[in-house]
C-alpha atoms as a PDB file:
ATOM      1  CA  MET A   1      39.676   4.817 -10.194  1.00  0.00           C
ATOM      2  CA  PRO A   2      38.206   1.623 -10.232  1.00  0.00           C
ATOM      3  CA  ARG A   3      36.766   0.026  -7.217  1.00  0.00           C
ATOM      4  CA  TRP A   4      36.926  -3.662  -6.216  1.00  0.00           C
ATOM      5  CA  SER A   5      33.726  -5.581  -5.059  1.00  0.00           C
ATOM      6  CA  SER A   6      34.345  -8.954  -3.069  1.00  0.00           C
ATOM      7  CA  VAL A   7      32.137 -11.725  -1.903  1.00  0.00           C
ATOM      8  CA  GLY A   8      33.664 -14.695  -0.637  1.00  0.00           C
ATOM      9  CA  ASN A   9      36.607 -15.854  -2.706  1.00  0.00           C
ATOM     10  CA  PHE A  10      35.080 -13.784  -5.736  1.00  0.00           C
ATOM     11  CA  SER A  11      36.467 -10.315  -6.433  1.00  0.00           C
ATOM     12  CA  GLN A  12      35.605  -8.172  -9.550  1.00  0.00           C
ATOM     13  CA  GLU A  13      36.436  -4.643 -10.557  1.00  0.00           C
ATOM     14  CA  ILE A  14      33.647  -2.207 -10.710  1.00  0.00           C
ATOM     15  CA  MET A  15      34.120  -0.030 -13.600  1.00  0.00           C
ATOM     16  CA  LYS A  16      32.016   3.406 -13.530  1.00  0.00           C
ATOM     17  CA  THR A  17      31.331   5.505 -16.381  1.00  0.00           C
ATOM     18  CA  THR A  18      29.256   8.673 -17.167  1.00  0.00           C
ATOM     19  CA  MET A  19      26.333   9.030 -19.352  1.00  0.00           C
ATOM     20  CA  HIS A  20      24.915  12.306 -20.658  1.00  0.00           C
ATOM     21  CA  ILE A  21      21.114  12.339 -21.195  1.00  0.00           C
ATOM     22  CA  LYS A  22      18.513  14.699 -22.009  1.00  0.00           C
ATOM     23  CA  VAL A  23      16.022  14.729 -19.316  1.00  0.00           C
ATOM     24  CA  ASP A  24      13.208  17.298 -18.665  1.00  0.00           C
ATOM     25  CA  LYS A  25      14.320  19.760 -15.903  1.00  0.00           C
ATOM     26  CA  ASP A  26      11.045  19.165 -13.996  1.00  0.00           C
ATOM     27  CA  ILE A  27      11.490  15.366 -14.189  1.00  0.00           C
ATOM     28  CA  LYS A  28      14.867  15.533 -13.008  1.00  0.00           C
ATOM     29  CA  GLU A  29      14.089  17.726  -9.950  1.00  0.00           C
ATOM     30  CA  LYS A  30      11.262  15.612  -8.789  1.00  0.00           C
ATOM     31  CA  SER A  31      12.926  12.181  -9.255  1.00  0.00           C
ATOM     32  CA  ALA A  32      15.692  13.695  -7.331  1.00  0.00           C
ATOM     33  CA  LYS A  33      13.618  14.949  -4.441  1.00  0.00           C
ATOM     34  CA  ILE A  34      11.832  11.401  -4.285  1.00  0.00           C
ATOM     35  CA  ALA A  35      15.126   9.747  -4.544  1.00  0.00           C
ATOM     36  CA  HIS A  36      16.568  11.984  -1.681  1.00  0.00           C
ATOM     37  CA  ASN A  37      13.355  11.201   0.545  1.00  0.00           C
ATOM     38  CA  LEU A  38      14.357   7.462  -0.094  1.00  0.00           C
ATOM     39  CA  GLY A  39      17.647   8.109   1.103  1.00  0.00           C
ATOM     40  CA  LEU A  40      19.259   7.466  -2.335  1.00  0.00           C
ATOM     41  CA  SER A  41      20.857   9.159  -5.010  1.00  0.00           C
ATOM     42  CA  LEU A  42      19.446   9.714  -8.309  1.00  0.00           C
ATOM     43  CA  SER A  43      22.506   7.901  -9.876  1.00  0.00           C
ATOM     44  CA  THR A  44      21.335   4.832  -7.958  1.00  0.00           C
ATOM     45  CA  ILE A  45      17.945   4.859  -9.109  1.00  0.00           C
ATOM     46  CA  VAL A  46      19.057   5.074 -12.586  1.00  0.00           C
ATOM     47  CA  ASN A  47      21.474   2.258 -11.937  1.00  0.00           C
ATOM     48  CA  ALA A  48      18.830   0.064 -10.482  1.00  0.00           C
ATOM     49  CA  SER A  49      16.383   0.818 -13.334  1.00  0.00           C
ATOM     50  CA  LEU A  50      18.993   0.015 -16.061  1.00  0.00           C
ATOM     51  CA  ARG A  51      20.070  -3.232 -14.349  1.00  0.00           C
ATOM     52  CA  ASN A  52      16.333  -4.115 -14.036  1.00  0.00           C
ATOM     53  CA  PHE A  53      16.349  -3.362 -17.761  1.00  0.00           C
ATOM     54  CA  ILE A  54      19.193  -5.846 -18.520  1.00  0.00           C
ATOM     55  CA  LYS A  55      17.633  -8.484 -16.209  1.00  0.00           C
ATOM     56  CA  THR A  56      14.282  -8.502 -17.629  1.00  0.00           C
ATOM     57  CA  GLU A  57      14.858  -7.218 -21.130  1.00  0.00           C
ATOM     58  CA  THR A  58      11.573  -5.473 -20.655  1.00  0.00           C
ATOM     59  CA  PHE A  59      10.512  -1.936 -20.390  1.00  0.00           C
ATOM     60  CA  SER A  60       7.256  -0.974 -18.858  1.00  0.00           C
ATOM     61  CA  VAL A  61       5.328   2.324 -18.575  1.00  0.00           C
ATOM     62  CA  SER A  62       2.465   2.451 -16.060  1.00  0.00           C
ATOM     63  CA  THR A  63      -0.198   5.377 -16.396  1.00  0.00           C
ATOM     64  CA  GLY A  64      -1.586   5.033 -13.011  1.00  0.00           C
ATOM     65  CA  GLU A  65      -1.490   3.432  -9.587  1.00  0.00           C
ATOM     66  CA  GLN A  66      -1.823  -0.372  -9.481  1.00  0.00           C
ATOM     67  CA  MET A  67      -4.574  -1.903  -7.134  1.00  0.00           C
ATOM     68  CA  THR A  68      -3.468  -4.026  -4.435  1.00  0.00           C
ATOM     69  CA  PRO A  69      -5.593  -7.220  -3.379  1.00  0.00           C
ATOM     70  CA  TYR A  70      -6.058  -5.311  -0.091  1.00  0.00           C
ATOM     71  CA  MET A  71      -7.364  -1.998  -1.651  1.00  0.00           C
ATOM     72  CA  GLU A  72      -9.733  -4.378  -3.966  1.00  0.00           C
ATOM     73  CA  SER A  73     -11.152  -6.152  -1.021  1.00  0.00           C
ATOM     74  CA  TRP A  74     -11.803  -3.051   0.673  1.00  0.00           C
ATOM     75  CA  LEU A  75     -13.253  -1.221  -2.124  1.00  0.00           C
ATOM     76  CA  ALA A  76     -15.705  -4.289  -2.425  1.00  0.00           C
ATOM     77  CA  GLU A  77     -16.692  -4.123   1.125  1.00  0.00           C
ATOM     78  CA  ILE A  78     -17.351  -0.199   0.905  1.00  0.00           C
ATOM     79  CA  GLU A  79     -19.438  -0.992  -2.156  1.00  0.00           C
ATOM     80  CA  GLN A  80     -21.669  -3.889  -0.339  1.00  0.00           C
ATOM     81  CA  ASP A  81     -22.050  -1.208   2.382  1.00  0.00           C
ATOM     82  CA  ARG A  82     -23.185   1.182  -0.038  1.00  0.00           C
ATOM     83  CA  LYS A  83     -25.782  -1.344  -1.469  1.00  0.00           C
ATOM     84  CA  THR A  84     -27.079  -2.261   1.870  1.00  0.00           C
ATOM     85  CA  GLY A  85     -27.001   1.055   3.156  1.00  0.00           C
ATOM     86  CA  GLU A  86     -24.894  -0.064   6.477  1.00  0.00           C
ATOM     87  CA  ASN A  87     -21.881   1.894   7.885  1.00  0.00           C
ATOM     88  CA  PHE A  88     -23.251   5.062   6.108  1.00  0.00           C
ATOM     89  CA  SER A  89     -24.505   8.174   7.830  1.00  0.00           C
ATOM     90  CA  GLY A  90     -26.303  11.023   5.939  1.00  0.00           C
ATOM     91  CA  PRO A  91     -27.107  12.565   3.671  1.00  0.00           C
ATOM     92  CA  PHE A  92     -27.648  15.940   5.979  1.00  0.00           C
ATOM     93  CA  GLU A  93     -29.511  18.787   4.734  1.00  0.00           C
ATOM     94  CA  THR A  94     -27.416  21.544   7.169  1.00  0.00           C
ATOM     95  CA  THR A  95     -24.138  21.649   9.223  1.00  0.00           C
ATOM     96  CA  GLU A  96     -26.309  21.481  12.231  1.00  0.00           C
ATOM     97  CA  GLU A  97     -27.904  18.033  11.077  1.00  0.00           C
ATOM     98  CA  LEU A  98     -24.410  16.774  10.816  1.00  0.00           C
ATOM     99  CA  MET A  99     -23.340  17.903  14.227  1.00  0.00           C
ATOM    100  CA  VAL A 100     -26.344  16.544  15.996  1.00  0.00           C
ATOM    101  CA  HIS A 101     -25.473  13.530  14.476  1.00  0.00           C
ATOM    102  CA  LEU A 102     -21.905  13.259  15.419  1.00  0.00           C
ATOM    103  CA  GLU A 103     -22.713  14.206  18.824  1.00  0.00           C
ATOM    104  CA  LYS A 104     -24.733  10.860  19.323  1.00  0.00           C
END
């Protein structure tokens, strides 16, 4: 049965359909778990992805985490500390040596 959506004086019928697609079992399980942890259904995730695909007419794949400006500045600060030897301790030859340092 169709649902209706209305905003102000504008109403539209929301038609739903079913898609049958092949997805690796582990991909479905992992993505469903993440969606659940976010309080969303997997259908909501797929619909949002398809809406974005339609809106942008682009498809992108990322192979890793993207650096944020905060992370880049934090890593630059750590690299500067490493070069100057500031804010670093050790190396320690033994656990006892480490423990003595930590107790200071």
